[in-house]
C-alpha atoms as a PDB file:
ATOM      1  CA  MET A   1      36.375 -50.191 -26.599  1.00  0.00           C
ATOM      2  CA  ARG A   2      33.949 -50.361 -23.649  1.00  0.00           C
ATOM      3  CA  THR A   3      34.358 -53.895 -22.371  1.00  0.00           C
ATOM      4  CA  ASP A   4      32.096 -53.173 -19.390  1.00  0.00           C
ATOM      5  CA  ARG A   5      29.126 -52.805 -21.743  1.00  0.00           C
ATOM      6  CA  ILE A   6      29.979 -56.105 -23.412  1.00  0.00           C
ATOM      7  CA  PHE A   7      30.131 -57.978 -20.102  1.00  0.00           C
ATOM      8  CA  ALA A   8      26.970 -56.265 -18.886  1.00  0.00           C
ATOM      9  CA  ARG A   9      25.247 -57.475 -22.040  1.00  0.00           C
ATOM     10  CA  LEU A  10      26.484 -61.016 -21.435  1.00  0.00           C
ATOM     11  CA  GLU A  11      25.219 -60.993 -17.841  1.00  0.00           C
ATOM     12  CA  GLN A  12      21.683 -59.968 -18.748  1.00  0.00           C
ATOM     13  CA  GLU A  13      18.899 -62.423 -18.129  1.00  0.00           C
ATOM     14  CA  PRO A  14      18.179 -64.326 -21.353  1.00  0.00           C
ATOM     15  CA  ALA A  15      14.787 -63.582 -22.841  1.00  0.00           C
ATOM     16  CA  ARG A  16      12.989 -64.024 -26.119  1.00  0.00           C
ATOM     17  CA  PRO A  17      13.007 -60.990 -28.439  1.00  0.00           C
ATOM     18  CA  LEU A  18       9.872 -58.891 -28.297  1.00  0.00           C
ATOM     19  CA  ALA A  19       9.888 -58.103 -32.015  1.00  0.00           C
ATOM     20  CA  PRO A  20       7.715 -60.538 -34.008  1.00  0.00           C
ATOM     21  CA  PRO A  21       9.105 -62.305 -37.084  1.00  0.00           C
ATOM     22  CA  PRO A  22       8.853 -60.215 -40.260  1.00  0.00           C
ATOM     23  CA  GLY A  23       5.797 -60.880 -42.346  1.00  0.00           C
ATOM     24  CA  MET A  24       5.253 -60.856 -46.085  1.00  0.00           C
ATOM     25  CA  SER A  25       4.022 -57.292 -46.472  1.00  0.00           C
ATOM     26  CA  GLY A  26       2.861 -55.696 -49.683  1.00  0.00           C
ATOM     27  CA  THR A  27       6.170 -53.879 -50.116  1.00  0.00           C
ATOM     28  CA  ARG A  28       8.095 -57.089 -49.619  1.00  0.00           C
ATOM     29  CA  LYS A  29       5.960 -58.893 -52.175  1.00  0.00           C
ATOM     30  CA  ALA A  30       6.530 -56.111 -54.690  1.00  0.00           C
ATOM     31  CA  LEU A  31      10.308 -56.311 -54.118  1.00  0.00           C
ATOM     32  CA  PHE A  32      10.234 -60.093 -54.455  1.00  0.00           C
ATOM     33  CA  PHE A  33       8.406 -60.143 -57.781  1.00  0.00           C
ATOM     34  CA  THR A  34      10.499 -57.251 -59.094  1.00  0.00           C
ATOM     35  CA  THR A  35      13.674 -59.137 -58.217  1.00  0.00           C
ATOM     36  CA  LEU A  36      12.233 -62.288 -59.763  1.00  0.00           C
ATOM     37  CA  GLY A  37      11.606 -60.354 -62.986  1.00  0.00           C
ATOM     38  CA  LEU A  38      15.188 -59.067 -62.912  1.00  0.00           C
ATOM     39  CA  TYR A  39      16.373 -62.673 -62.508  1.00  0.00           C
ATOM     40  CA  ALA A  40      14.467 -63.680 -65.629  1.00  0.00           C
ATOM     41  CA  VAL A  41      15.822 -60.676 -67.585  1.00  0.00           C
ATOM     42  CA  ILE A  42      19.456 -61.585 -66.755  1.00  0.00           C
ATOM     43  CA  VAL A  43      18.947 -65.202 -67.796  1.00  0.00           C
ATOM     44  CA  ALA A  44      17.272 -64.124 -71.044  1.00  0.00           C
ATOM     45  CA  ALA A  45      20.076 -61.649 -71.770  1.00  0.00           C
ATOM     46  CA  VAL A  46      22.679 -64.408 -71.474  1.00  0.00           C
ATOM     47  CA  LEU A  47      20.660 -66.931 -73.466  1.00  0.00           C
ATOM     48  CA  THR A  48      20.253 -64.481 -76.355  1.00  0.00           C
ATOM     49  CA  THR A  49      23.940 -63.465 -76.297  1.00  0.00           C
ATOM     50  CA  SER A  50      23.083 -59.832 -75.771  1.00  0.00           C
ATOM     51  CA  ARG A  51      25.293 -56.900 -74.821  1.00  0.00           C
ATOM     52  CA  LEU A  52      25.628 -58.388 -71.341  1.00  0.00           C
ATOM     53  CA  VAL A  53      27.581 -61.304 -72.811  1.00  0.00           C
ATOM     54  CA  ARG A  54      29.724 -58.830 -74.744  1.00  0.00           C
ATOM     55  CA  LEU A  55      30.506 -57.087 -71.425  1.00  0.00           C
ATOM     56  CA  ASP A  56      31.437 -60.462 -69.950  1.00  0.00           C
ATOM     57  CA  TRP A  57      34.040 -60.995 -72.652  1.00  0.00           C
ATOM     58  CA  GLN A  58      35.414 -57.471 -72.469  1.00  0.00           C
ATOM     59  CA  VAL A  59      36.087 -57.774 -68.724  1.00  0.00           C
ATOM     60  CA  MET A  60      37.470 -61.290 -69.131  1.00  0.00           C
ATOM     61  CA  LEU A  61      39.923 -60.225 -71.884  1.00  0.00           C
ATOM     62  CA  PHE A  62      40.988 -57.211 -69.819  1.00  0.00           C
ATOM     63  CA  ARG A  63      42.214 -59.649 -67.145  1.00  0.00           C
ATOM     64  CA  PRO A  64      42.067 -57.459 -64.032  1.00  0.00           C
ATOM     65  CA  TYR A  65      44.159 -59.899 -61.984  1.00  0.00           C
ATOM     66  CA  LYS A  66      47.076 -59.094 -64.291  1.00  0.00           C
ATOM     67  CA  GLN A  67      46.531 -55.343 -64.133  1.00  0.00           C
ATOM     68  CA  TRP A  68      46.836 -55.123 -60.337  1.00  0.00           C
ATOM     69  CA  PRO A  69      48.731 -58.209 -59.198  1.00  0.00           C
ATOM     70  CA  GLU A  70      49.732 -56.629 -55.858  1.00  0.00           C
ATOM     71  CA  ILE A  71      46.226 -57.088 -54.372  1.00  0.00           C
ATOM     72  CA  HIS A  72      45.699 -60.579 -55.742  1.00  0.00           C
ATOM     73  CA  ALA A  73      46.979 -62.284 -52.566  1.00  0.00           C
ATOM     74  CA  PHE A  74      44.620 -60.299 -50.335  1.00  0.00           C
ATOM     75  CA  LEU A  75      41.621 -61.022 -52.550  1.00  0.00           C
ATOM     76  CA  ASP A  76      42.366 -64.737 -52.450  1.00  0.00           C
ATOM     77  CA  TYR A  77      41.666 -64.607 -48.702  1.00  0.00           C
ATOM     78  CA  PHE A  78      38.801 -62.127 -48.934  1.00  0.00           C
ATOM     79  CA  VAL A  79      36.831 -64.335 -51.313  1.00  0.00           C
ATOM     80  CA  VAL A  80      36.632 -66.963 -48.554  1.00  0.00           C
ATOM     81  CA  LEU A  81      33.906 -64.772 -47.020  1.00  0.00           C
ATOM     82  CA  GLY A  82      31.681 -66.091 -49.793  1.00  0.00           C
ATOM     83  CA  GLN A  83      32.475 -69.775 -49.421  1.00  0.00           C
ATOM     84  CA  ARG A  84      29.602 -71.723 -47.951  1.00  0.00           C
ATOM     85  CA  GLY A  85      31.509 -73.836 -45.446  1.00  0.00           C
ATOM     86  CA  PRO A  86      33.509 -71.183 -43.528  1.00  0.00           C
ATOM     87  CA  THR A  87      30.766 -68.558 -43.580  1.00  0.00           C
ATOM     88  CA  ALA A  88      28.053 -71.021 -42.548  1.00  0.00           C
ATOM     89  CA  VAL A  89      30.125 -72.229 -39.580  1.00  0.00           C
ATOM     90  CA  LEU A  90      30.914 -68.664 -38.492  1.00  0.00           C
ATOM     91  CA  VAL A  91      27.351 -67.394 -38.770  1.00  0.00           C
ATOM     92  CA  ALA A  92      25.917 -70.578 -37.211  1.00  0.00           C
ATOM     93  CA  ALA A  93      28.204 -70.149 -34.168  1.00  0.00           C
ATOM     94  CA  TRP A  94      26.909 -66.622 -33.620  1.00  0.00           C
ATOM     95  CA  LEU A  95      23.267 -67.577 -34.164  1.00  0.00           C
ATOM     96  CA  GLY A  96      23.698 -70.632 -31.933  1.00  0.00           C
ATOM     97  CA  TRP A  97      24.824 -68.385 -29.092  1.00  0.00           C
ATOM     98  CA  ARG A  98      21.829 -66.144 -29.726  1.00  0.00           C
ATOM     99  CA  SER A  99      19.524 -69.158 -29.679  1.00  0.00           C
ATOM    100  CA  TRP A 100      20.917 -70.249 -26.321  1.00  0.00           C
ATOM    101  CA  ARG A 101      20.648 -66.750 -24.863  1.00  0.00           C
ATOM    102  CA  GLN A 102      17.095 -66.168 -26.091  1.00  0.00           C
ATOM    103  CA  ARG A 103      15.878 -69.732 -25.459  1.00  0.00           C
ATOM    104  CA  THR A 104      14.610 -70.055 -29.027  1.00  0.00           C
ATOM    105  CA  LEU A 105      15.620 -72.093 -32.067  1.00  0.00           C
ATOM    106  CA  ARG A 106      14.368 -69.583 -34.614  1.00  0.00           C
ATOM    107  CA  PRO A 107      17.789 -68.093 -35.557  1.00  0.00           C
ATOM    108  CA  LEU A 108      19.291 -71.496 -36.338  1.00  0.00           C
ATOM    109  CA  LEU A 109      16.156 -72.709 -38.110  1.00  0.00           C
ATOM    110  CA  ALA A 110      16.017 -69.555 -40.245  1.00  0.00           C
ATOM    111  CA  LEU A 111      19.668 -70.030 -41.212  1.00  0.00           C
ATOM    112  CA  GLY A 112      19.078 -73.689 -42.068  1.00  0.00           C
ATOM    113  CA  THR A 113      16.008 -72.829 -44.141  1.00  0.00           C
ATOM    114  CA  SER A 114      17.853 -70.147 -46.094  1.00  0.00           C
ATOM    115  CA  LEU A 115      20.830 -72.418 -46.800  1.00  0.00           C
ATOM    116  CA  LEU A 116      18.506 -75.203 -47.908  1.00  0.00           C
ATOM    117  CA  LEU A 117      16.733 -72.844 -50.308  1.00  0.00           C
ATOM    118  CA  LEU A 118      20.109 -71.629 -51.537  1.00  0.00           C
ATOM    119  CA  ASN A 119      21.369 -75.136 -52.281  1.00  0.00           C
ATOM    120  CA  VAL A 120      18.168 -76.165 -54.056  1.00  0.00           C
ATOM    121  CA  THR A 121      17.557 -73.072 -56.194  1.00  0.00           C
ATOM    122  CA  VAL A 122      21.114 -72.049 -57.057  1.00  0.00           C
ATOM    123  CA  GLY A 123      22.274 -75.647 -57.423  1.00  0.00           C
ATOM    124  CA  ALA A 124      19.429 -76.474 -59.789  1.00  0.00           C
ATOM    125  CA  ALA A 125      20.131 -73.357 -61.889  1.00  0.00           C
ATOM    126  CA  LYS A 126      23.839 -74.177 -62.090  1.00  0.00           C
ATOM    127  CA  LEU A 127      23.270 -77.742 -63.235  1.00  0.00           C
ATOM    128  CA  GLY A 128      20.392 -76.842 -65.551  1.00  0.00           C
ATOM    129  CA  MET A 129      22.202 -74.108 -67.498  1.00  0.00           C
ATOM    130  CA  GLY A 130      25.677 -75.661 -67.425  1.00  0.00           C
ATOM    131  CA  ARG A 131      27.643 -72.536 -68.274  1.00  0.00           C
ATOM    132  CA  GLU A 132      31.428 -72.655 -68.581  1.00  0.00           C
ATOM    133  CA  GLY A 133      33.619 -70.238 -66.679  1.00  0.00           C
ATOM    134  CA  PRO A 134      36.032 -67.661 -68.156  1.00  0.00           C
ATOM    135  CA  HIS A 135      39.050 -69.931 -67.764  1.00  0.00           C
ATOM    136  CA  TYR A 136      37.295 -72.750 -69.698  1.00  0.00           C
ATOM    137  CA  ALA A 137      35.659 -70.668 -72.469  1.00  0.00           C
ATOM    138  CA  ASN A 138      35.624 -72.314 -75.892  1.00  0.00           C
ATOM    139  CA  ARG A 139      34.711 -69.552 -78.343  1.00  0.00           C
ATOM    140  CA  ILE A 140      35.100 -65.792 -77.992  1.00  0.00           C
ATOM    141  CA  GLY A 141      31.774 -63.998 -77.905  1.00  0.00           C
ATOM    142  CA  ALA A 142      29.710 -67.124 -77.104  1.00  0.00           C
ATOM    143  CA  ASN A 143      27.499 -67.363 -74.034  1.00  0.00           C
ATOM    144  CA  GLU A 144      29.017 -70.779 -73.149  1.00  0.00           C
ATOM    145  CA  MET A 145      25.633 -72.149 -72.070  1.00  0.00           C
ATOM    146  CA  PHE A 146      24.447 -75.776 -71.754  1.00  0.00           C
ATOM    147  CA  LEU A 147      27.924 -77.259 -71.617  1.00  0.00           C
ATOM    148  CA  THR A 148      29.688 -78.921 -68.707  1.00  0.00           C
ATOM    149  CA  GLY A 149      30.155 -75.923 -66.390  1.00  0.00           C
ATOM    150  CA  ASP A 150      28.332 -74.979 -63.202  1.00  0.00           C
ATOM    151  CA  ILE A 151      29.056 -71.306 -62.516  1.00  0.00           C
ATOM    152  CA  PHE A 152      25.820 -69.549 -63.533  1.00  0.00           C
ATOM    153  CA  PRO A 153      24.727 -68.034 -61.152  1.00  0.00           C
ATOM    154  CA  SER A 154      27.733 -67.377 -58.912  1.00  0.00           C
ATOM    155  CA  GLY A 155      27.475 -69.537 -55.807  1.00  0.00           C
ATOM    156  CA  HIS A 156      30.027 -67.453 -53.887  1.00  0.00           C
ATOM    157  CA  THR A 157      28.013 -64.293 -54.481  1.00  0.00           C
ATOM    158  CA  ALA A 158      24.623 -65.803 -53.639  1.00  0.00           C
ATOM    159  CA  ASN A 159      26.041 -67.432 -50.515  1.00  0.00           C
ATOM    160  CA  ALA A 160      27.548 -64.119 -49.355  1.00  0.00           C
ATOM    161  CA  VAL A 161      24.171 -62.416 -49.781  1.00  0.00           C
ATOM    162  CA  VAL A 162      22.308 -65.099 -47.819  1.00  0.00           C
ATOM    163  CA  THR A 163      24.725 -65.914 -44.987  1.00  0.00           C
ATOM    164  CA  TRP A 164      25.521 -62.304 -44.144  1.00  0.00           C
ATOM    165  CA  GLY A 165      22.059 -61.003 -44.980  1.00  0.00           C
ATOM    166  CA  ILE A 166      20.412 -63.443 -42.564  1.00  0.00           C
ATOM    167  CA  LEU A 167      22.027 -61.509 -39.714  1.00  0.00           C
ATOM    168  CA  ALA A 168      20.190 -58.356 -40.762  1.00  0.00           C
ATOM    169  CA  TYR A 169      16.997 -60.358 -41.313  1.00  0.00           C
ATOM    170  CA  LEU A 170      17.114 -61.698 -37.724  1.00  0.00           C
ATOM    171  CA  ALA A 171      18.021 -58.359 -36.108  1.00  0.00           C
ATOM    172  CA  THR A 172      15.606 -57.363 -33.335  1.00  0.00           C
ATOM    173  CA  THR A 173      16.187 -53.584 -33.342  1.00  0.00           C
ATOM    174  CA  PRO A 174      16.096 -51.058 -36.219  1.00  0.00           C
ATOM    175  CA  ARG A 175      19.612 -49.834 -35.420  1.00  0.00           C
ATOM    176  CA  ALA A 176      21.084 -53.325 -35.499  1.00  0.00           C
ATOM    177  CA  ARG A 177      19.224 -54.066 -38.729  1.00  0.00           C
ATOM    178  CA  ARG A 178      20.687 -50.978 -40.400  1.00  0.00           C
ATOM    179  CA  TRP A 179      24.261 -51.741 -39.371  1.00  0.00           C
ATOM    180  CA  LEU A 180      24.028 -55.413 -40.267  1.00  0.00           C
ATOM    181  CA  SER A 181      22.490 -54.539 -43.636  1.00  0.00           C
ATOM    182  CA  VAL A 182      25.499 -52.355 -44.394  1.00  0.00           C
ATOM    183  CA  VAL A 183      27.893 -55.142 -43.364  1.00  0.00           C
ATOM    184  CA  ALA A 184      26.027 -57.711 -45.478  1.00  0.00           C
ATOM    185  CA  ALA A 185      26.011 -55.379 -48.498  1.00  0.00           C
ATOM    186  CA  VAL A 186      29.763 -54.732 -48.211  1.00  0.00           C
ATOM    187  CA  PHE A 187      30.599 -58.435 -48.006  1.00  0.00           C
ATOM    188  CA  ALA A 188      28.185 -59.430 -50.782  1.00  0.00           C
ATOM    189  CA  LEU A 189      29.350 -56.709 -53.177  1.00  0.00           C
ATOM    190  CA  GLY A 190      32.999 -57.294 -52.302  1.00  0.00           C
ATOM    191  CA  VAL A 191      32.837 -61.048 -52.847  1.00  0.00           C
ATOM    192  CA  GLY A 192      31.049 -60.644 -56.180  1.00  0.00           C
ATOM    193  CA  VAL A 193      33.536 -58.123 -57.537  1.00  0.00           C
ATOM    194  CA  THR A 194      36.446 -60.244 -56.275  1.00  0.00           C
ATOM    195  CA  THR A 195      35.292 -63.304 -58.220  1.00  0.00           C
ATOM    196  CA  VAL A 196      35.245 -61.198 -61.396  1.00  0.00           C
ATOM    197  CA  PHE A 197      38.668 -59.725 -60.592  1.00  0.00           C
ATOM    198  CA  ILE A 198      40.387 -63.090 -60.169  1.00  0.00           C
ATOM    199  CA  GLY A 199      38.682 -64.427 -63.299  1.00  0.00           C
ATOM    200  CA  THR A 200      36.538 -67.229 -61.859  1.00  0.00           C
ATOM    201  CA  HIS A 201      33.159 -65.743 -62.885  1.00  0.00           C
ATOM    202  CA  TRP A 202      31.594 -63.649 -65.610  1.00  0.00           C
ATOM    203  CA  VAL A 203      29.957 -60.340 -64.750  1.00  0.00           C
ATOM    204  CA  SER A 204      26.544 -61.837 -65.531  1.00  0.00           C
ATOM    205  CA  ASP A 205      27.255 -64.704 -63.114  1.00  0.00           C
ATOM    206  CA  VAL A 206      27.719 -62.218 -60.288  1.00  0.00           C
ATOM    207  CA  LEU A 207      24.619 -60.221 -61.228  1.00  0.00           C
ATOM    208  CA  LEU A 208      22.498 -63.366 -61.162  1.00  0.00           C
ATOM    209  CA  GLY A 209      24.122 -64.471 -57.886  1.00  0.00           C
ATOM    210  CA  TRP A 210      23.169 -61.198 -56.184  1.00  0.00           C
ATOM    211  CA  THR A 211      19.632 -61.558 -57.504  1.00  0.00           C
ATOM    212  CA  ALA A 212      19.317 -65.208 -56.418  1.00  0.00           C
ATOM    213  CA  GLY A 213      20.500 -64.466 -52.867  1.00  0.00           C
ATOM    214  CA  LEU A 214      18.174 -61.491 -52.545  1.00  0.00           C
ATOM    215  CA  LEU A 215      15.222 -63.611 -53.679  1.00  0.00           C
ATOM    216  CA  ILE A 216      15.873 -66.080 -50.856  1.00  0.00           C
ATOM    217  CA  LEU A 217      16.005 -63.349 -48.203  1.00  0.00           C
ATOM    218  CA  LEU A 218      12.815 -61.759 -49.536  1.00  0.00           C
ATOM    219  CA  ALA A 219      10.994 -65.118 -49.563  1.00  0.00           C
ATOM    220  CA  LEU A 220      11.918 -66.138 -45.994  1.00  0.00           C
ATOM    221  CA  PRO A 221       8.744 -64.678 -44.349  1.00  0.00           C
ATOM    222  CA  TRP A 222       6.695 -67.228 -46.299  1.00  0.00           C
ATOM    223  CA  PHE A 223       8.536 -69.942 -44.369  1.00  0.00           C
ATOM    224  CA  GLU A 224       8.117 -68.385 -40.914  1.00  0.00           C
ATOM    225  CA  PRO A 225       4.974 -70.453 -40.043  1.00  0.00           C
ATOM    226  CA  LEU A 226       6.874 -73.628 -40.916  1.00  0.00           C
ATOM    227  CA  ILE A 227       9.834 -72.493 -38.808  1.00  0.00           C
ATOM    228  CA  THR A 228       7.475 -71.827 -35.888  1.00  0.00           C
ATOM    229  CA  ARG A 229       5.915 -75.291 -36.120  1.00  0.00           C
ATOM    230  CA  VAL A 230       9.290 -77.018 -36.352  1.00  0.00           C
ATOM    231  CA  GLU A 231      10.574 -75.035 -33.368  1.00  0.00           C
ATOM    232  CA  ALA A 232       7.511 -75.941 -31.281  1.00  0.00           C
ATOM    233  CA  TYR A 233       7.905 -79.622 -32.172  1.00  0.00           C
ATOM    234  CA  LEU A 234      11.631 -79.721 -31.354  1.00  0.00           C
ATOM    235  CA  LEU A 235      11.189 -77.850 -28.068  1.00  0.00           C
ATOM    236  CA  SER A 236       8.343 -80.123 -27.002  1.00  0.00           C
ATOM    237  CA  ARG A 237      10.463 -83.182 -27.733  1.00  0.00           C
ATOM    238  CA  TRP A 238      13.385 -81.689 -25.820  1.00  0.00           C
ATOM    239  CA  TYR A 239      11.280 -80.823 -22.765  1.00  0.00           C
ATOM    240  CA  ARG A 240       9.702 -84.279 -22.855  1.00  0.00           C
ATOM    241  CA  LEU A 241      13.095 -85.950 -22.902  1.00  0.00           C
ATOM    242  CA  ARG A 242      14.390 -83.682 -20.171  1.00  0.00           C
ATOM    243  CA  GLU A 243      11.320 -84.363 -18.050  1.00  0.00           C
ATOM    244  CA  GLY A 244      11.748 -88.091 -18.526  1.00  0.00           C
ATOM    245  CA  SER A 245      15.368 -87.988 -17.368  1.00  0.00           C
ATOM    246  CA  ALA A 246      14.691 -85.601 -14.461  1.00  0.00           C
ATOM    247  CA  PRO A 247      14.368 -86.747 -10.803  1.00  0.00           C
ATOM    248  CA  VAL A 248      10.999 -87.835  -9.465  1.00  0.00           C
ATOM    249  CA  SER A 249      10.562 -84.625  -7.477  1.00  0.00           C
ATOM    250  CA  VAL A 250      10.843 -82.617 -10.700  1.00  0.00           C
ATOM    251  CA  ARG A 251       8.545 -84.848 -12.750  1.00  0.00           C
ATOM    252  CA  LEU A 252       5.752 -84.479 -10.163  1.00  0.00           C
ATOM    253  CA  TRP A 253       5.196 -80.882 -11.213  1.00  0.00           C
ATOM    254  CA  PRO A 254       2.391 -80.915 -13.799  1.00  0.00           C
ATOM    255  CA  SER A 255       3.339 -77.547 -15.315  1.00  0.00           C
ATOM    256  CA  ALA A 256       7.109 -77.916 -15.285  1.00  0.00           C
ATOM    257  CA  VAL A 257       7.357 -77.451 -19.029  1.00  0.00           C
ATOM    258  CA  GLY A 258       4.704 -74.815 -19.518  1.00  0.00           C
ATOM    259  CA  PRO A 259       5.017 -71.046 -19.513  1.00  0.00           C
ATOM    260  CA  THR A 260       5.717 -69.558 -16.099  1.00  0.00           C
ATOM    261  CA  ARG A 261       5.387 -66.164 -14.545  1.00  0.00           C
ATOM    262  CA  THR A 262       8.695 -65.119 -16.075  1.00  0.00           C
ATOM    263  CA  GLY A 263       7.448 -66.017 -19.561  1.00  0.00           C
ATOM    264  CA  ARG A 264      10.273 -68.486 -20.129  1.00  0.00           C
ATOM    265  CA  PRO A 265       9.213 -72.061 -20.934  1.00  0.00           C
ATOM    266  CA  GLY A 266      10.848 -74.878 -19.053  1.00  0.00           C
ATOM    267  CA  ALA A 267      11.417 -73.044 -15.775  1.00  0.00           C
ATOM    268  CA  ARG A 268      10.249 -74.725 -12.549  1.00  0.00           C
ATOM    269  CA  PRO A 269       7.187 -73.112 -10.995  1.00  0.00           C
ATOM    270  CA  PRO A 270       7.637 -71.532  -7.556  1.00  0.00           C
ATOM    271  CA  LEU A 271       6.968 -73.680  -4.508  1.00  0.00           C
ATOM    272  CA  PRO A 272       3.483 -73.256  -3.019  1.00  0.00           C
ATOM    273  CA  SER A 273       3.128 -71.185   0.117  1.00  0.00           C
ATOM    274  CA  PRO A 274       3.178 -73.304   3.317  1.00  0.00           C
ATOM    275  CA  GLU A 275       0.477 -71.301   5.141  1.00  0.00           C
ATOM    276  CA  PRO A 276      -2.529 -73.216   3.735  1.00  0.00           C
ATOM    277  CA  VAL A 277      -0.912 -76.522   4.602  1.00  0.00           C
ATOM    278  CA  LEU A 278      -0.159 -75.466   8.174  1.00  0.00           C
ATOM    279  CA  SER A 279      -3.652 -74.117   8.718  1.00  0.00           C
ATOM    280  CA  ALA A 280      -5.176 -77.315   7.389  1.00  0.00           C
ATOM    281  CA  ARG A 281      -3.012 -79.410   9.710  1.00  0.00           C
ATOM    282  CA  SER A 282      -3.853 -77.275  12.740  1.00  0.00           C
ATOM    283  CA  SER A 283      -7.592 -77.477  12.046  1.00  0.00           C
ATOM    284  CA  ASP A 284      -7.354 -81.207  11.510  1.00  0.00           C
ATOM    285  CA  ARG A 285      -5.423 -81.583  14.756  1.00  0.00           C
ATOM    286  CA  SER A 286      -7.985 -79.580  16.706  1.00  0.00           C
ATOM    287  CA  GLY A 287     -10.792 -81.693  15.255  1.00  0.00           C
ATOM    288  CA  ARG A 288      -9.076 -84.916  16.377  1.00  0.00           C
ATOM    289  CA  ALA A 289      -8.233 -83.803  19.911  1.00  0.00           C
ATOM    290  CA  GLY A 290      -9.903 -86.866  21.392  1.00  0.00           C
ATOM    291  CA  ASP A 291      -8.191 -89.334  19.109  1.00  0.00           C
ATOM    292  CA  PRO A 292      -6.120 -91.732  21.257  1.00  0.00           C
ATOM    293  CA  ARG A 293      -3.523 -92.025  18.532  1.00  0.00           C
ATOM    294  CA  THR A 294      -2.396 -88.484  19.249  1.00  0.00           C
ATOM    295  CA  HIS A 295      -1.031 -89.658  22.607  1.00  0.00           C
ATOM    296  CA  HIS A 296       1.315 -92.120  20.986  1.00  0.00           C
ATOM    297  CA  PRO A 297       4.988 -91.149  21.516  1.00  0.00           C
ATOM    298  CA  SER A 298       5.566 -90.942  17.763  1.00  0.00           C
ATOM    299  CA  HIS A 299       2.604 -88.571  17.370  1.00  0.00           C
ATOM    300  CA  ALA A 300       3.769 -86.582  20.345  1.00  0.00           C
ATOM    301  CA  ALA A 301       7.225 -86.192  18.813  1.00  0.00           C
ATOM    302  CA  ARG A 302       5.789 -85.256  15.439  1.00  0.00           C
ATOM    303  CA  HIS A 303       3.365 -82.652  16.843  1.00  0.00           C
ATOM    304  CA  ALA A 304       5.484 -81.214  19.632  1.00  0.00           C
ATOM    305  CA  ALA A 305       4.208 -77.684  19.044  1.00  0.00           C
ATOM    306  CA  ARG A 306       0.587 -77.936  20.276  1.00  0.00           C
ATOM    307  CA  SER A 307      -2.000 -75.220  20.100  1.00  0.00           C
ATOM    308  CA  GLU A 308      -3.916 -76.464  23.229  1.00  0.00           C
ATOM    309  CA  ARG A 309      -1.842 -75.287  26.221  1.00  0.00           C
ATOM    310  CA  SER A 310      -2.729 -74.790  29.875  1.00  0.00           C
ATOM    311  CA  PRO A 311      -3.405 -71.193  30.933  1.00  0.00           C
ATOM    312  CA  VAL A 312      -0.496 -69.150  32.151  1.00  0.00           C
ATOM    313  CA  THR A 313      -0.758 -67.662  35.674  1.00  0.00           C
ATOM    314  CA  PRO A 314       0.402 -64.151  36.547  1.00  0.00           C
ATOM    315  CA  GLY A 315       3.444 -65.602  38.231  1.00  0.00           C
ATOM    316  CA  GLY A 316       4.557 -67.258  35.052  1.00  0.00           C
ATOM    317  CA  SER A 317       3.680 -70.850  36.030  1.00  0.00           C
ATOM    318  CA  ARG A 318       1.437 -73.038  33.919  1.00  0.00           C
ATOM    319  CA  ARG A 319       0.184 -75.056  36.904  1.00  0.00           C
ATOM    320  CA  PRO A 320      -3.049 -74.212  38.757  1.00  0.00           C
ATOM    321  CA  PRO A 321      -2.573 -71.582  41.498  1.00  0.00           C
ATOM    322  CA  GLY A 322      -3.586 -73.922  44.290  1.00  0.00           C
ATOM    323  CA  GLU A 323      -1.259 -76.752  43.390  1.00  0.00           C
ATOM    324  CA  ARG A 324       1.790 -77.175  45.614  1.00  0.00           C
ATOM    325  CA  THR A 325       5.105 -77.731  44.002  1.00  0.00           C
ATOM    326  CA  VAL A 326       7.716 -80.088  45.424  1.00  0.00           C
ATOM    327  CA  SER A 327      11.401 -79.573  44.818  1.00  0.00           C
ATOM    328  CA  ARG A 328      13.089 -82.587  43.250  1.00  0.00           C
ATOM    329  CA  THR A 329      16.240 -81.872  45.292  1.00  0.00           C
ATOM    330  CA  ALA A 330      14.505 -81.932  48.708  1.00  0.00           C
ATOM    331  CA  PRO A 331      14.890 -85.098  50.898  1.00  0.00           C
ATOM    332  CA  LEU A 332      11.973 -87.512  50.901  1.00  0.00           C
ATOM    333  CA  GLY A 333      12.016 -88.244  54.661  1.00  0.00           C
ATOM    334  CA  PRO A 334       9.884 -86.582  57.406  1.00  0.00           C
ATOM    335  CA  ARG A 335      10.618 -82.974  58.213  1.00  0.00           C
ATOM    336  CA  LYS A 336      12.299 -82.233  61.568  1.00  0.00           C
END
């Protein structure tokens, strides 16, 4: 493993990604409405106790966790990758570091928006349809709908699709997006199959969970303008608070929180060049040559470097050529 590349990446100057947020293209809209239609078909198939429900019962009565008990312990840990708490903390830590590096709140806001949509849509479907799980089934062959359960669709599966898929959604390069899409697909498919294997969900629960998570990822571009406005508001509040708590010398800069030459908001602008100030002072000093205040000792000490000097003689002295110099060490009495 090349650790030098990792440290070189960490030492790079933080900058915002150049790739714009994904928009709701025509292809994306077609995928969204196709997935929405598939969602409705799965729900209708369960409500009408179709062959999908028969498949649910066949897999449940097969009891896979009893067929291969040696992998049950591993799958108990693997299914944690679909739990909302651990995965949200893990993904939020990574996206928080990216937000700090890129000086943007968009990764964290996109994750928060997707989790909010997940809780609202999947939670409402769970409570509204009230399906019982395989371990609490009442009658063989029934769809177990509108009872006291809350497993339809599978929350583990939908959460795995959203929390791992958001990494691919926020990728800034095509290569990273491809690799992260593969990782998200492996985790989402693995978590869904694991819940069926250990007997906590029906097959139809997992199918609807995959569909529900994919709908949220496909709908995220519709929320990008809202994410942009919230980010602008939060950053403006942060810069305002930071400017209010900064020293006076920092608050005097009028554009301290605006975009700078580096393109990074919040950076201090460069100090102005001193040449115009010095030229203005020299011209002002030359215009006030006759001002008596310039002969005050304080003014003399302040403006020690004067531009008006006496001419220099060829011998190197600044006194007139005819003036006679007297040595300070010579005696003051008459010469003998």
